[in-house]
PDB file of N, CA and C in Angstrom:
ATOM      1  N   MET A   1      69.435 150.295 184.517  1.00  0.00           N
ATOM      2  CA  MET A   1      70.287 149.165 184.765  1.00  0.00           C
ATOM      3  C   MET A   1      69.691 147.937 184.072  1.00  0.00           C
ATOM      4  N   ASP A   2      70.554 147.180 183.415  1.00  0.00           N
ATOM      5  CA  ASP A   2      70.097 145.965 182.755  1.00  0.00           C
ATOM      6  C   ASP A   2      69.914 144.860 183.783  1.00  0.00           C
ATOM      7  N   ARG A   3      68.853 144.074 183.538  1.00  0.00           N
ATOM      8  CA  ARG A   3      68.611 142.932 184.414  1.00  0.00           C
ATOM      9  C   ARG A   3      68.697 141.661 183.584  1.00  0.00           C
ATOM     10  N   TYR A   4      69.364 140.685 184.121  1.00  0.00           N
ATOM     11  CA  TYR A   4      69.503 139.418 183.434  1.00  0.00           C
ATOM     12  C   TYR A   4      68.792 138.340 184.242  1.00  0.00           C
ATOM     13  N   THR A   5      68.086 137.518 183.554  1.00  0.00           N
ATOM     14  CA  THR A   5      67.455 136.382 184.224  1.00  0.00           C
ATOM     15  C   THR A   5      68.085 135.114 183.677  1.00  0.00           C
ATOM     16  N   ARG A   6      68.215 134.190 184.531  1.00  0.00           N
ATOM     17  CA  ARG A   6      68.806 132.918 184.148  1.00  0.00           C
ATOM     18  C   ARG A   6      67.698 132.022 183.606  1.00  0.00           C
ATOM     19  N   SER A   7      67.909 131.494 182.426  1.00  0.00           N
ATOM     20  CA  SER A   7      66.919 130.571 181.871  1.00  0.00           C
ATOM     21  C   SER A   7      67.615 129.299 181.416  1.00  0.00           C
ATOM     22  N   HIS A   8      66.904 128.225 181.495  1.00  0.00           N
ATOM     23  CA  HIS A   8      67.423 126.930 181.073  1.00  0.00           C
ATOM     24  C   HIS A   8      66.614 126.459 179.873  1.00  0.00           C
ATOM     25  N   PRO A   9      67.275 125.860 178.897  1.00  0.00           N
ATOM     26  CA  PRO A   9      66.519 125.316 177.776  1.00  0.00           C
ATOM     27  C   PRO A   9      65.596 124.204 178.267  1.00  0.00           C
ATOM     28  N   ARG A  10      64.452 124.079 177.623  1.00  0.00           N
ATOM     29  CA  ARG A  10      63.506 123.032 177.997  1.00  0.00           C
ATOM     30  C   ARG A  10      63.838 121.765 177.226  1.00  0.00           C
ATOM     31  N   LEU A  11      64.257 120.747 177.954  1.00  0.00           N
ATOM     32  CA  LEU A  11      64.567 119.462 177.366  1.00  0.00           C
ATOM     33  C   LEU A  11      63.582 118.432 177.908  1.00  0.00           C
ATOM     34  N   SER A  12      63.239 117.468 177.104  1.00  0.00           N
ATOM     35  CA  SER A  12      62.296 116.429 177.525  1.00  0.00           C
ATOM     36  C   SER A  12      62.892 115.606 178.658  1.00  0.00           C
ATOM     37  N   PRO A  13      62.063 115.209 179.623  1.00  0.00           N
ATOM     38  CA  PRO A  13      62.578 114.427 180.749  1.00  0.00           C
ATOM     39  C   PRO A  13      62.925 113.000 180.331  1.00  0.00           C
ATOM     40  N   VAL A  14      63.742 112.349 181.147  1.00  0.00           N
ATOM     41  CA  VAL A  14      64.066 110.933 180.986  1.00  0.00           C
ATOM     42  C   VAL A  14      63.595 110.229 182.240  1.00  0.00           C
ATOM     43  N   ASN A  15      62.773 109.211 182.079  1.00  0.00           N
ATOM     44  CA  ASN A  15      62.198 108.474 183.206  1.00  0.00           C
ATOM     45  C   ASN A  15      61.506 109.408 184.196  1.00  0.00           C
ATOM     46  N   GLY A  16      60.838 110.441 183.672  1.00  0.00           N
ATOM     47  CA  GLY A  16      60.101 111.376 184.511  1.00  0.00           C
ATOM     48  C   GLY A  16      60.960 112.403 185.228  1.00  0.00           C
ATOM     49  N   LYS A  17      62.266 112.392 184.988  1.00  0.00           N
ATOM     50  CA  LYS A  17      63.150 113.353 185.652  1.00  0.00           C
ATOM     51  C   LYS A  17      63.606 114.392 184.646  1.00  0.00           C
ATOM     52  N   PRO A  18      63.666 115.665 185.064  1.00  0.00           N
ATOM     53  CA  PRO A  18      64.053 116.725 184.131  1.00  0.00           C
ATOM     54  C   PRO A  18      65.531 116.646 183.747  1.00  0.00           C
ATOM     55  N   ILE A  19      65.836 117.106 182.557  1.00  0.00           N
ATOM     56  CA  ILE A  19      67.210 117.218 182.081  1.00  0.00           C
ATOM     57  C   ILE A  19      67.597 118.677 182.221  1.00  0.00           C
ATOM     58  N   LEU A  20      68.583 118.955 183.048  1.00  0.00           N
ATOM     59  CA  LEU A  20      69.045 120.320 183.263  1.00  0.00           C
ATOM     60  C   LEU A  20      70.510 120.415 182.866  1.00  0.00           C
ATOM     61  N   PRO A  21      70.803 121.125 181.773  1.00  0.00           N
ATOM     62  CA  PRO A  21      72.208 121.282 181.406  1.00  0.00           C
ATOM     63  C   PRO A  21      72.934 122.133 182.434  1.00  0.00           C
ATOM     64  N   GLY A  22      74.136 121.722 182.761  1.00  0.00           N
ATOM     65  CA  GLY A  22      74.914 122.470 183.741  1.00  0.00           C
ATOM     66  C   GLY A  22      76.386 122.237 183.531  1.00  0.00           C
ATOM     67  N   PHE A  23      77.177 123.028 184.195  1.00  0.00           N
ATOM     68  CA  PHE A  23      78.619 122.941 184.044  1.00  0.00           C
ATOM     69  C   PHE A  23      79.285 122.872 185.410  1.00  0.00           C
ATOM     70  N   ASP A  24      78.680 122.120 186.311  1.00  0.00           N
ATOM     71  CA  ASP A  24      79.187 122.067 187.675  1.00  0.00           C
ATOM     72  C   ASP A  24      80.204 120.955 187.908  1.00  0.00           C
ATOM     73  N   GLY A  25      80.497 120.152 186.886  1.00  0.00           N
ATOM     74  CA  GLY A  25      81.520 119.129 187.018  1.00  0.00           C
ATOM     75  C   GLY A  25      81.042 117.814 187.584  1.00  0.00           C
ATOM     76  N   ALA A  26      79.744 117.590 187.672  1.00  0.00           N
ATOM     77  CA  ALA A  26      79.232 116.303 188.144  1.00  0.00           C
ATOM     78  C   ALA A  26      79.448 115.256 187.051  1.00  0.00           C
ATOM     79  N   ASP A  27      78.641 114.195 187.021  1.00  0.00           N
ATOM     80  CA  ASP A  27      78.780 113.185 185.971  1.00  0.00           C
ATOM     81  C   ASP A  27      78.715 113.880 184.623  1.00  0.00           C
ATOM     82  N   MET A  28      79.776 113.736 183.852  1.00  0.00           N
ATOM     83  CA  MET A  28      79.869 114.505 182.618  1.00  0.00           C
ATOM     84  C   MET A  28      80.073 113.608 181.410  1.00  0.00           C
ATOM     85  N   SER A  29      79.791 114.203 180.276  1.00  0.00           N
ATOM     86  CA  SER A  29      80.037 113.578 178.986  1.00  0.00           C
ATOM     87  C   SER A  29      80.616 114.650 178.082  1.00  0.00           C
ATOM     88  N   SER A  30      81.536 114.250 177.235  1.00  0.00           N
ATOM     89  CA  SER A  30      82.073 115.226 176.288  1.00  0.00           C
ATOM     90  C   SER A  30      81.119 115.424 175.119  1.00  0.00           C
ATOM     91  N   ASP A  31      80.034 114.664 175.105  1.00  0.00           N
ATOM     92  CA  ASP A  31      79.053 114.732 174.028  1.00  0.00           C
ATOM     93  C   ASP A  31      77.720 115.302 174.530  1.00  0.00           C
ATOM     94  N   ALA A  32      77.769 116.368 175.300  1.00  0.00           N
ATOM     95  CA  ALA A  32      76.561 116.933 175.894  1.00  0.00           C
ATOM     96  C   ALA A  32      75.586 117.472 174.856  1.00  0.00           C
ATOM     97  N   GLY A  33      76.053 117.786 173.657  1.00  0.00           N
ATOM     98  CA  GLY A  33      75.153 118.244 172.599  1.00  0.00           C
ATOM     99  C   GLY A  33      74.143 117.196 172.188  1.00  0.00           C
ATOM    100  N   LEU A  34      74.320 115.979 172.662  1.00  0.00           N
ATOM    101  CA  LEU A  34      73.371 114.916 172.336  1.00  0.00           C
ATOM    102  C   LEU A  34      71.984 115.188 172.906  1.00  0.00           C
ATOM    103  N   THR A  35      71.893 115.923 174.002  1.00  0.00           N
ATOM    104  CA  THR A  35      70.574 116.206 174.564  1.00  0.00           C
ATOM    105  C   THR A  35      69.731 117.020 173.586  1.00  0.00           C
ATOM    106  N   LEU A  36      70.377 117.921 172.857  1.00  0.00           N
ATOM    107  CA  LEU A  36      69.641 118.694 171.851  1.00  0.00           C
ATOM    108  C   LEU A  36      69.333 117.837 170.627  1.00  0.00           C
ATOM    109  N   ARG A  37      70.282 117.006 170.238  1.00  0.00           N
ATOM    110  CA  ARG A  37      70.035 116.098 169.102  1.00  0.00           C
ATOM    111  C   ARG A  37      68.925 115.113 169.436  1.00  0.00           C
ATOM    112  N   ARG A  38      68.858 114.711 170.686  1.00  0.00           N
ATOM    113  CA  ARG A  38      67.802 113.813 171.145  1.00  0.00           C
ATOM    114  C   ARG A  38      66.433 114.449 170.919  1.00  0.00           C
ATOM    115  N   GLU A  39      66.324 115.734 171.208  1.00  0.00           N
ATOM    116  CA  GLU A  39      65.059 116.434 171.007  1.00  0.00           C
ATOM    117  C   GLU A  39      64.653 116.416 169.528  1.00  0.00           C
ATOM    118  N   ILE A  40      65.614 116.658 168.665  1.00  0.00           N
ATOM    119  CA  ILE A  40      65.331 116.662 167.221  1.00  0.00           C
ATOM    120  C   ILE A  40      64.898 115.277 166.775  1.00  0.00           C
ATOM    121  N   GLU A  41      65.621 114.245 167.205  1.00  0.00           N
ATOM    122  CA  GLU A  41      65.288 112.875 166.806  1.00  0.00           C
ATOM    123  C   GLU A  41      63.921 112.480 167.341  1.00  0.00           C
ATOM    124  N   ARG A  42      63.616 112.859 168.557  1.00  0.00           N
ATOM    125  CA  ARG A  42      62.307 112.526 169.146  1.00  0.00           C
ATOM    126  C   ARG A  42      61.180 113.168 168.362  1.00  0.00           C
ATOM    127  N   LYS A  43      61.346 114.442 168.023  1.00  0.00           N
ATOM    128  CA  LYS A  43      60.280 115.141 167.295  1.00  0.00           C
ATOM    129  C   LYS A  43      60.110 114.594 165.889  1.00  0.00           C
ATOM    130  N   ALA A  44      61.214 114.249 165.239  1.00  0.00           N
ATOM    131  CA  ALA A  44      61.134 113.699 163.883  1.00  0.00           C
ATOM    132  C   ALA A  44      60.777 112.207 163.901  1.00  0.00           C
ATOM    133  N   GLY A  45      61.094 111.536 164.984  1.00  0.00           N
ATOM    134  CA  GLY A  45      60.800 110.112 165.105  1.00  0.00           C
ATOM    135  C   GLY A  45      61.572 109.250 164.114  1.00  0.00           C
ATOM    136  N   LEU A  46      62.803 109.643 163.805  1.00  0.00           N
ATOM    137  CA  LEU A  46      63.575 108.952 162.775  1.00  0.00           C
ATOM    138  C   LEU A  46      63.758 107.464 163.064  1.00  0.00           C
ATOM    139  N   ALA A  47      64.267 107.128 164.237  1.00  0.00           N
ATOM    140  CA  ALA A  47      64.541 105.721 164.554  1.00  0.00           C
ATOM    141  C   ALA A  47      63.249 104.913 164.648  1.00  0.00           C
ATOM    142  N   GLY A  48      62.243 105.471 165.276  1.00  0.00           N
ATOM    143  CA  GLY A  48      60.966 104.765 165.410  1.00  0.00           C
ATOM    144  C   GLY A  48      60.298 104.510 164.072  1.00  0.00           C
ATOM    145  N   ARG A  49      60.335 105.495 163.199  1.00  0.00           N
ATOM    146  CA  ARG A  49      59.736 105.327 161.869  1.00  0.00           C
ATOM    147  C   ARG A  49      60.508 104.307 161.050  1.00  0.00           C
ATOM    148  N   HIS A  50      61.819 104.328 161.177  1.00  0.00           N
ATOM    149  CA  HIS A  50      62.646 103.353 160.462  1.00  0.00           C
ATOM    150  C   HIS A  50      62.369 101.939 160.989  1.00  0.00           C
ATOM    151  N   ALA A  51      62.318 101.784 162.310  1.00  0.00           N
ATOM    152  CA  ALA A  51      62.066 100.473 162.917  1.00  0.00           C
ATOM    153  C   ALA A  51      60.676  99.951 162.554  1.00  0.00           C
ATOM    154  N   ALA A  52      59.707 100.847 162.420  1.00  0.00           N
ATOM    155  CA  ALA A  52      58.339 100.430 162.075  1.00  0.00           C
ATOM    156  C   ALA A  52      58.255  99.843 160.669  1.00  0.00           C
ATOM    157  N   CYS A  53      59.224 100.154 159.826  1.00  0.00           N
ATOM    158  CA  CYS A  53      59.239  99.628 158.454  1.00  0.00           C
ATOM    159  C   CYS A  53      59.873  98.247 158.376  1.00  0.00           C
ATOM    160  N   MET A  54      60.469  97.799 159.462  1.00  0.00           N
ATOM    161  CA  MET A  54      61.199  96.532 159.452  1.00  0.00           C
ATOM    162  C   MET A  54      60.484  95.478 160.281  1.00  0.00           C
ATOM    163  N   VAL A  55      60.684  94.234 159.909  1.00  0.00           N
ATOM    164  CA  VAL A  55      60.207  93.112 160.707  1.00  0.00           C
ATOM    165  C   VAL A  55      61.405  92.609 161.500  1.00  0.00           C
ATOM    166  N   ASP A  56      61.262  92.545 162.810  1.00  0.00           N
ATOM    167  CA  ASP A  56      62.354  92.123 163.673  1.00  0.00           C
ATOM    168  C   ASP A  56      62.375  90.596 163.742  1.00  0.00           C
ATOM    169  N   PRO A  57      63.409  89.944 163.185  1.00  0.00           N
ATOM    170  CA  PRO A  57      63.442  88.489 163.159  1.00  0.00           C
ATOM    171  C   PRO A  57      63.902  87.836 164.471  1.00  0.00           C
ATOM    172  N   ARG A  58      64.222  88.644 165.480  1.00  0.00           N
ATOM    173  CA  ARG A  58      64.750  88.094 166.734  1.00  0.00           C
ATOM    174  C   ARG A  58      63.653  87.451 167.574  1.00  0.00           C
ATOM    175  N   ASP A  59      64.048  86.519 168.428  1.00  0.00           N
ATOM    176  CA  ASP A  59      63.143  85.867 169.371  1.00  0.00           C
ATOM    177  C   ASP A  59      62.777  86.885 170.450  1.00  0.00           C
ATOM    178  N   PRO A  60      61.502  87.266 170.552  1.00  0.00           N
ATOM    179  CA  PRO A  60      61.107  88.305 171.531  1.00  0.00           C
ATOM    180  C   PRO A  60      61.508  87.983 172.968  1.00  0.00           C
ATOM    181  N   ALA A  61      61.618  86.703 173.314  1.00  0.00           N
ATOM    182  CA  ALA A  61      61.993  86.329 174.686  1.00  0.00           C
ATOM    183  C   ALA A  61      63.455  86.646 174.984  1.00  0.00           C
ATOM    184  N   LYS A  62      64.261  86.840 173.947  1.00  0.00           N
ATOM    185  CA  LYS A  62      65.689  87.076 174.140  1.00  0.00           C
ATOM    186  C   LYS A  62      66.115  88.510 173.832  1.00  0.00           C
ATOM    187  N   VAL A  63      65.162  89.351 173.482  1.00  0.00           N
ATOM    188  CA  VAL A  63      65.481  90.730 173.089  1.00  0.00           C
ATOM    189  C   VAL A  63      65.802  91.566 174.326  1.00  0.00           C
ATOM    190  N   GLN A  64      66.980  92.196 174.321  1.00  0.00           N
ATOM    191  CA  GLN A  64      67.367  93.109 175.397  1.00  0.00           C
ATOM    192  C   GLN A  64      67.248  94.568 174.967  1.00  0.00           C
ATOM    193  N   HIS A  65      67.405  94.832 173.677  1.00  0.00           N
ATOM    194  CA  HIS A  65      67.368  96.198 173.157  1.00  0.00           C
ATOM    195  C   HIS A  65      66.337  96.263 172.031  1.00  0.00           C
ATOM    196  N   ARG A  66      65.421  97.209 172.162  1.00  0.00           N
ATOM    197  CA  ARG A  66      64.412  97.385 171.110  1.00  0.00           C
ATOM    198  C   ARG A  66      65.092  97.782 169.807  1.00  0.00           C
ATOM    199  N   LEU A  67      64.461  97.432 168.701  1.00  0.00           N
ATOM    200  CA  LEU A  67      65.030  97.725 167.383  1.00  0.00           C
ATOM    201  C   LEU A  67      65.234  99.224 167.190  1.00  0.00           C
ATOM    202  N   ASP A  68      64.286 100.045 167.644  1.00  0.00           N
ATOM    203  CA  ASP A  68      64.457 101.489 167.473  1.00  0.00           C
ATOM    204  C   ASP A  68      65.642 102.016 168.280  1.00  0.00           C
ATOM    205  N   ASP A  69      65.948 101.411 169.441  1.00  0.00           N
ATOM    206  CA  ASP A  69      67.128 101.819 170.209  1.00  0.00           C
ATOM    207  C   ASP A  69      68.419 101.407 169.511  1.00  0.00           C
ATOM    208  N   ILE A  70      68.406 100.240 168.860  1.00  0.00           N
ATOM    209  CA  ILE A  70      69.588  99.795 168.131  1.00  0.00           C
ATOM    210  C   ILE A  70      69.825 100.710 166.933  1.00  0.00           C
ATOM    211  N   ILE A  71      68.768 101.207 166.332  1.00  0.00           N
ATOM    212  CA  ILE A  71      68.893 102.139 165.202  1.00  0.00           C
ATOM    213  C   ILE A  71      69.299 103.523 165.706  1.00  0.00           C
ATOM    214  N   ARG A  72      68.735 103.939 166.835  1.00  0.00           N
ATOM    215  CA  ARG A  72      69.000 105.262 167.395  1.00  0.00           C
ATOM    216  C   ARG A  72      70.461 105.419 167.851  1.00  0.00           C
ATOM    217  N   ALA A  73      71.064 104.354 168.371  1.00  0.00           N
ATOM    218  CA  ALA A  73      72.437 104.443 168.887  1.00  0.00           C
ATOM    219  C   ALA A  73      73.427 104.901 167.821  1.00  0.00           C
ATOM    220  N   PRO A  74      73.497 104.271 166.635  1.00  0.00           N
ATOM    221  CA  PRO A  74      74.448 104.779 165.638  1.00  0.00           C
ATOM    222  C   PRO A  74      74.062 106.146 165.080  1.00  0.00           C
ATOM    223  N   ILE A  75      72.770 106.469 165.066  1.00  0.00           N
ATOM    224  CA  ILE A  75      72.357 107.815 164.641  1.00  0.00           C
ATOM    225  C   ILE A  75      73.002 108.847 165.563  1.00  0.00           C
ATOM    226  N   MET A  76      72.916 108.611 166.865  1.00  0.00           N
ATOM    227  CA  MET A  76      73.492 109.539 167.839  1.00  0.00           C
ATOM    228  C   MET A  76      75.017 109.549 167.776  1.00  0.00           C
ATOM    229  N   MET A  77      75.618 108.388 167.556  1.00  0.00           N
ATOM    230  CA  MET A  77      77.080 108.334 167.470  1.00  0.00           C
ATOM    231  C   MET A  77      77.581 109.111 166.255  1.00  0.00           C
ATOM    232  N   ILE A  78      76.932 108.927 165.120  1.00  0.00           N
ATOM    233  CA  ILE A  78      77.330 109.650 163.910  1.00  0.00           C
ATOM    234  C   ILE A  78      77.119 111.153 164.108  1.00  0.00           C
ATOM    235  N   ALA A  79      75.994 111.530 164.732  1.00  0.00           N
ATOM    236  CA  ALA A  79      75.719 112.948 164.989  1.00  0.00           C
ATOM    237  C   ALA A  79      76.774 113.565 165.904  1.00  0.00           C
ATOM    238  N   ALA A  80      77.354 112.745 166.793  1.00  0.00           N
ATOM    239  CA  ALA A  80      78.378 113.241 167.713  1.00  0.00           C
ATOM    240  C   ALA A  80      79.783 113.178 167.112  1.00  0.00           C
ATOM    241  N   GLY A  81      79.892 112.683 165.883  1.00  0.00           N
ATOM    242  CA  GLY A  81      81.188 112.674 165.217  1.00  0.00           C
ATOM    243  C   GLY A  81      81.912 111.345 165.204  1.00  0.00           C
ATOM    244  N   TYR A  82      81.283 110.305 165.726  1.00  0.00           N
ATOM    245  CA  TYR A  82      81.893 108.977 165.673  1.00  0.00           C
ATOM    246  C   TYR A  82      81.530 108.348 164.331  1.00  0.00           C
ATOM    247  N   GLU A  83      82.523 107.791 163.630  1.00  0.00           N
ATOM    248  CA  GLU A  83      82.310 107.321 162.268  1.00  0.00           C
ATOM    249  C   GLU A  83      81.407 106.108 162.152  1.00  0.00           C
ATOM    250  N   ASP A  84      81.566 105.176 163.057  1.00  0.00           N
ATOM    251  CA  ASP A  84      80.844 103.920 162.920  1.00  0.00           C
ATOM    252  C   ASP A  84      80.560 103.333 164.298  1.00  0.00           C
ATOM    253  N   GLY A  85      80.062 102.118 164.334  1.00  0.00           N
ATOM    254  CA  GLY A  85      79.690 101.490 165.591  1.00  0.00           C
ATOM    255  C   GLY A  85      80.844 100.980 166.419  1.00  0.00           C
ATOM    256  N   ASN A  86      82.082 101.142 165.947  1.00  0.00           N
ATOM    257  CA  ASN A  86      83.236 100.621 166.678  1.00  0.00           C
ATOM    258  C   ASN A  86      83.383 101.228 168.069  1.00  0.00           C
ATOM    259  N   ASP A  87      82.872 102.429 168.267  1.00  0.00           N
ATOM    260  CA  ASP A  87      82.994 103.090 169.567  1.00  0.00           C
ATOM    261  C   ASP A  87      81.834 102.770 170.502  1.00  0.00           C
ATOM    262  N   ALA A  88      80.885 101.971 170.050  1.00  0.00           N
ATOM    263  CA  ALA A  88      79.684 101.696 170.844  1.00  0.00           C
ATOM    264  C   ALA A  88      80.020 101.084 172.200  1.00  0.00           C
ATOM    265  N   ASP A  89      80.995 100.193 172.253  1.00  0.00           N
ATOM    266  CA  ASP A  89      81.323  99.555 173.531  1.00  0.00           C
ATOM    267  C   ASP A  89      81.837 100.556 174.562  1.00  0.00           C
ATOM    268  N   SER A  90      82.637 101.520 174.123  1.00  0.00           N
ATOM    269  CA  SER A  90      83.145 102.503 175.080  1.00  0.00           C
ATOM    270  C   SER A  90      82.101 103.571 175.412  1.00  0.00           C
ATOM    271  N   LEU A  91      81.101 103.743 174.567  1.00  0.00           N
ATOM    272  CA  LEU A  91      80.079 104.772 174.789  1.00  0.00           C
ATOM    273  C   LEU A  91      78.817 104.233 175.464  1.00  0.00           C
ATOM    274  N   ARG A  92      78.721 102.944 175.644  1.00  0.00           N
ATOM    275  CA  ARG A  92      77.469 102.373 176.151  1.00  0.00           C
ATOM    276  C   ARG A  92      77.164 102.742 177.602  1.00  0.00           C
ATOM    277  N   HIS A  93      78.168 103.245 178.320  1.00  0.00           N
ATOM    278  CA  HIS A  93      77.960 103.695 179.705  1.00  0.00           C
ATOM    279  C   HIS A  93      78.072 105.211 179.837  1.00  0.00           C
ATOM    280  N   ASP A  94      78.285 105.918 178.741  1.00  0.00           N
ATOM    281  CA  ASP A  94      78.440 107.374 178.743  1.00  0.00           C
ATOM    282  C   ASP A  94      77.114 108.039 179.127  1.00  0.00           C
ATOM    283  N   PRO A  95      77.116 108.938 180.127  1.00  0.00           N
ATOM    284  CA  PRO A  95      75.865 109.565 180.571  1.00  0.00           C
ATOM    285  C   PRO A  95      75.111 110.300 179.460  1.00  0.00           C
ATOM    286  N   GLY A  96      75.827 110.997 178.584  1.00  0.00           N
ATOM    287  CA  GLY A  96      75.165 111.731 177.498  1.00  0.00           C
ATOM    288  C   GLY A  96      74.460 110.808 176.526  1.00  0.00           C
ATOM    289  N   PHE A  97      75.096 109.718 176.190  1.00  0.00           N
ATOM    290  CA  PHE A  97      74.481 108.760 175.276  1.00  0.00           C
ATOM    291  C   PHE A  97      73.322 108.033 175.941  1.00  0.00           C
ATOM    292  N   LYS A  98      73.449 107.727 177.225  1.00  0.00           N
ATOM    293  CA  LYS A  98      72.351 107.059 177.921  1.00  0.00           C
ATOM    294  C   LYS A  98      71.115 107.960 177.960  1.00  0.00           C
ATOM    295  N   ILE A  99      71.308 109.247 178.211  1.00  0.00           N
ATOM    296  CA  ILE A  99      70.175 110.176 178.206  1.00  0.00           C
ATOM    297  C   ILE A  99      69.569 110.263 176.810  1.00  0.00           C
ATOM    298  N   ALA A 100      70.416 110.303 175.778  1.00  0.00           N
ATOM    299  CA  ALA A 100      69.928 110.393 174.400  1.00  0.00           C
ATOM    300  C   ALA A 100      69.093 109.184 174.015  1.00  0.00           C
ATOM    301  N   LEU A 101      69.314 108.049 174.681  1.00  0.00           N
ATOM    302  CA  LEU A 101      68.547 106.846 174.406  1.00  0.00           C
ATOM    303  C   LEU A 101      67.572 106.528 175.540  1.00  0.00           C
ATOM    304  N   GLU A 102      67.144 107.587 176.243  1.00  0.00           N
ATOM    305  CA  GLU A 102      66.084 107.480 177.250  1.00  0.00           C
ATOM    306  C   GLU A 102      66.444 106.581 178.429  1.00  0.00           C
ATOM    307  N   ARG A 103      67.695 106.581 178.838  1.00  0.00           N
ATOM    308  CA  ARG A 103      68.121 105.802 179.998  1.00  0.00           C
ATOM    309  C   ARG A 103      68.640 106.745 181.061  1.00  0.00           C
ATOM    310  N   ALA A 104      68.456 106.374 182.299  1.00  0.00           N
ATOM    311  CA  ALA A 104      68.996 107.172 183.401  1.00  0.00           C
ATOM    312  C   ALA A 104      70.519 107.089 183.363  1.00  0.00           C
ATOM    313  N   PRO A 105      71.222 108.217 183.523  1.00  0.00           N
ATOM    314  CA  PRO A 105      72.683 108.213 183.378  1.00  0.00           C
ATOM    315  C   PRO A 105      73.423 107.284 184.334  1.00  0.00           C
ATOM    316  N   LYS A 106      72.972 107.184 185.582  1.00  0.00           N
ATOM    317  CA  LYS A 106      73.695 106.354 186.553  1.00  0.00           C
ATOM    318  C   LYS A 106      73.088 104.960 186.683  1.00  0.00           C
ATOM    319  N   THR A 107      71.781 104.878 186.749  1.00  0.00           N
ATOM    320  CA  THR A 107      71.138 103.608 187.073  1.00  0.00           C
ATOM    321  C   THR A 107      70.552 102.888 185.865  1.00  0.00           C
ATOM    322  N   GLY A 108      70.454 103.547 184.739  1.00  0.00           N
ATOM    323  CA  GLY A 108      69.853 102.924 183.568  1.00  0.00           C
ATOM    324  C   GLY A 108      70.717 101.822 182.984  1.00  0.00           C
ATOM    325  N   ALA A 109      70.076 100.884 182.312  1.00  0.00           N
ATOM    326  CA  ALA A 109      70.800  99.777 181.683  1.00  0.00           C
ATOM    327  C   ALA A 109      71.776 100.308 180.641  1.00  0.00           C
ATOM    328  N   ALA A 110      72.832  99.549 180.421  1.00  0.00           N
ATOM    329  CA  ALA A 110      73.826  99.914 179.408  1.00  0.00           C
ATOM    330  C   ALA A 110      73.181  99.887 178.024  1.00  0.00           C
ATOM    331  N   LEU A 111      73.726 100.669 177.122  1.00  0.00           N
ATOM    332  CA  LEU A 111      73.231 100.716 175.755  1.00  0.00           C
ATOM    333  C   LEU A 111      73.715  99.483 174.992  1.00  0.00           C
ATOM    334  N   CYS A 112      73.233  99.324 173.777  1.00  0.00           N
ATOM    335  CA  CYS A 112      73.619  98.159 172.988  1.00  0.00           C
ATOM    336  C   CYS A 112      75.103  98.211 172.630  1.00  0.00           C
ATOM    337  N   SER A 113      75.660  97.033 172.445  1.00  0.00           N
ATOM    338  CA  SER A 113      77.089  96.910 172.170  1.00  0.00           C
ATOM    339  C   SER A 113      77.371  97.016 170.672  1.00  0.00           C
ATOM    340  N   GLN A 114      78.646  97.094 170.344  1.00  0.00           N
ATOM    341  CA  GLN A 114      79.060  97.148 168.941  1.00  0.00           C
ATOM    342  C   GLN A 114      78.604  95.904 168.184  1.00  0.00           C
ATOM    343  N   PRO A 115      78.741  94.679 168.738  1.00  0.00           N
ATOM    344  CA  PRO A 115      78.254  93.511 167.997  1.00  0.00           C
ATOM    345  C   PRO A 115      76.745  93.545 167.743  1.00  0.00           C
ATOM    346  N   THR A 116      75.978  94.084 168.685  1.00  0.00           N
ATOM    347  CA  THR A 116      74.529  94.186 168.493  1.00  0.00           C
ATOM    348  C   THR A 116      74.213  95.123 167.332  1.00  0.00           C
ATOM    349  N   ILE A 117      74.893  96.259 167.271  1.00  0.00           N
ATOM    350  CA  ILE A 117      74.682  97.200 166.166  1.00  0.00           C
ATOM    351  C   ILE A 117      75.095  96.555 164.848  1.00  0.00           C
ATOM    352  N   SER A 118      76.226  95.853 164.850  1.00  0.00           N
ATOM    353  CA  SER A 118      76.692  95.206 163.620  1.00  0.00           C
ATOM    354  C   SER A 118      75.722  94.141 163.147  1.00  0.00           C
ATOM    355  N   ARG A 119      75.162  93.359 164.073  1.00  0.00           N
ATOM    356  CA  ARG A 119      74.182  92.333 163.672  1.00  0.00           C
ATOM    357  C   ARG A 119      72.951  92.973 163.045  1.00  0.00           C
ATOM    358  N   MET A 120      72.507  94.114 163.591  1.00  0.00           N
ATOM    359  CA  MET A 120      71.355  94.801 163.012  1.00  0.00           C
ATOM    360  C   MET A 120      71.690  95.321 161.623  1.00  0.00           C
ATOM    361  N   GLU A 121      72.903  95.833 161.444  1.00  0.00           N
ATOM    362  CA  GLU A 121      73.295  96.411 160.155  1.00  0.00           C
ATOM    363  C   GLU A 121      73.410  95.364 159.053  1.00  0.00           C
ATOM    364  N   ILE A 122      73.818  94.145 159.406  1.00  0.00           N
ATOM    365  CA  ILE A 122      73.987  93.123 158.365  1.00  0.00           C
ATOM    366  C   ILE A 122      72.810  92.155 158.281  1.00  0.00           C
ATOM    367  N   CYS A 123      71.846  92.309 159.170  1.00  0.00           N
ATOM    368  CA  CYS A 123      70.670  91.431 159.177  1.00  0.00           C
ATOM    369  C   CYS A 123      69.876  91.636 157.884  1.00  0.00           C
ATOM    370  N   PRO A 124      69.368  90.552 157.306  1.00  0.00           N
ATOM    371  CA  PRO A 124      68.509  90.741 156.125  1.00  0.00           C
ATOM    372  C   PRO A 124      67.319  91.631 156.517  1.00  0.00           C
ATOM    373  N   ILE A 125      67.038  92.598 155.724  1.00  0.00           N
ATOM    374  CA  ILE A 125      65.972  93.544 156.040  1.00  0.00           C
ATOM    375  C   ILE A 125      64.645  92.984 155.549  1.00  0.00           C
ATOM    376  N   TYR A 126      63.732  92.866 156.468  1.00  0.00           N
ATOM    377  CA  TYR A 126      62.378  92.442 156.142  1.00  0.00           C
ATOM    378  C   TYR A 126      61.501  93.681 156.230  1.00  0.00           C
ATOM    379  N   VAL A 127      61.065  94.151 155.109  1.00  0.00           N
ATOM    380  CA  VAL A 127      60.284  95.393 155.068  1.00  0.00           C
ATOM    381  C   VAL A 127      58.810  95.045 155.156  1.00  0.00           C
ATOM    382  N   ARG A 128      58.102  95.789 155.977  1.00  0.00           N
ATOM    383  CA  ARG A 128      56.660  95.587 156.112  1.00  0.00           C
ATOM    384  C   ARG A 128      55.921  96.202 154.967  1.00  0.00           C
TER     385      ARG A 128
END
């Protein structure tokens, strides 16, 4: 007789809590594949490496979103099939996107808005 064991993929935790993919109908996102893309981005460090090459001209006292998070948001949106930052406002509270940007799905702060992404995209680039 064949025996099957249930296994869950190992995903990195967010705020010390494990990420467990499931299909029980709780808080959901249609972009659940972002948890796997998050793992790839974390291991490659794409947003962090890109942000490290730039000088952030913003006043540190007024910064709400780190530069690497502002870079990571459109990376995740494009990976999920969204063309540009226009959907950022509707996705900033999406549980899948919040997890992909290291925020708790229910209690974590909202992600950056479309204007924030646009300001980063048109900001003069200061390369280190």
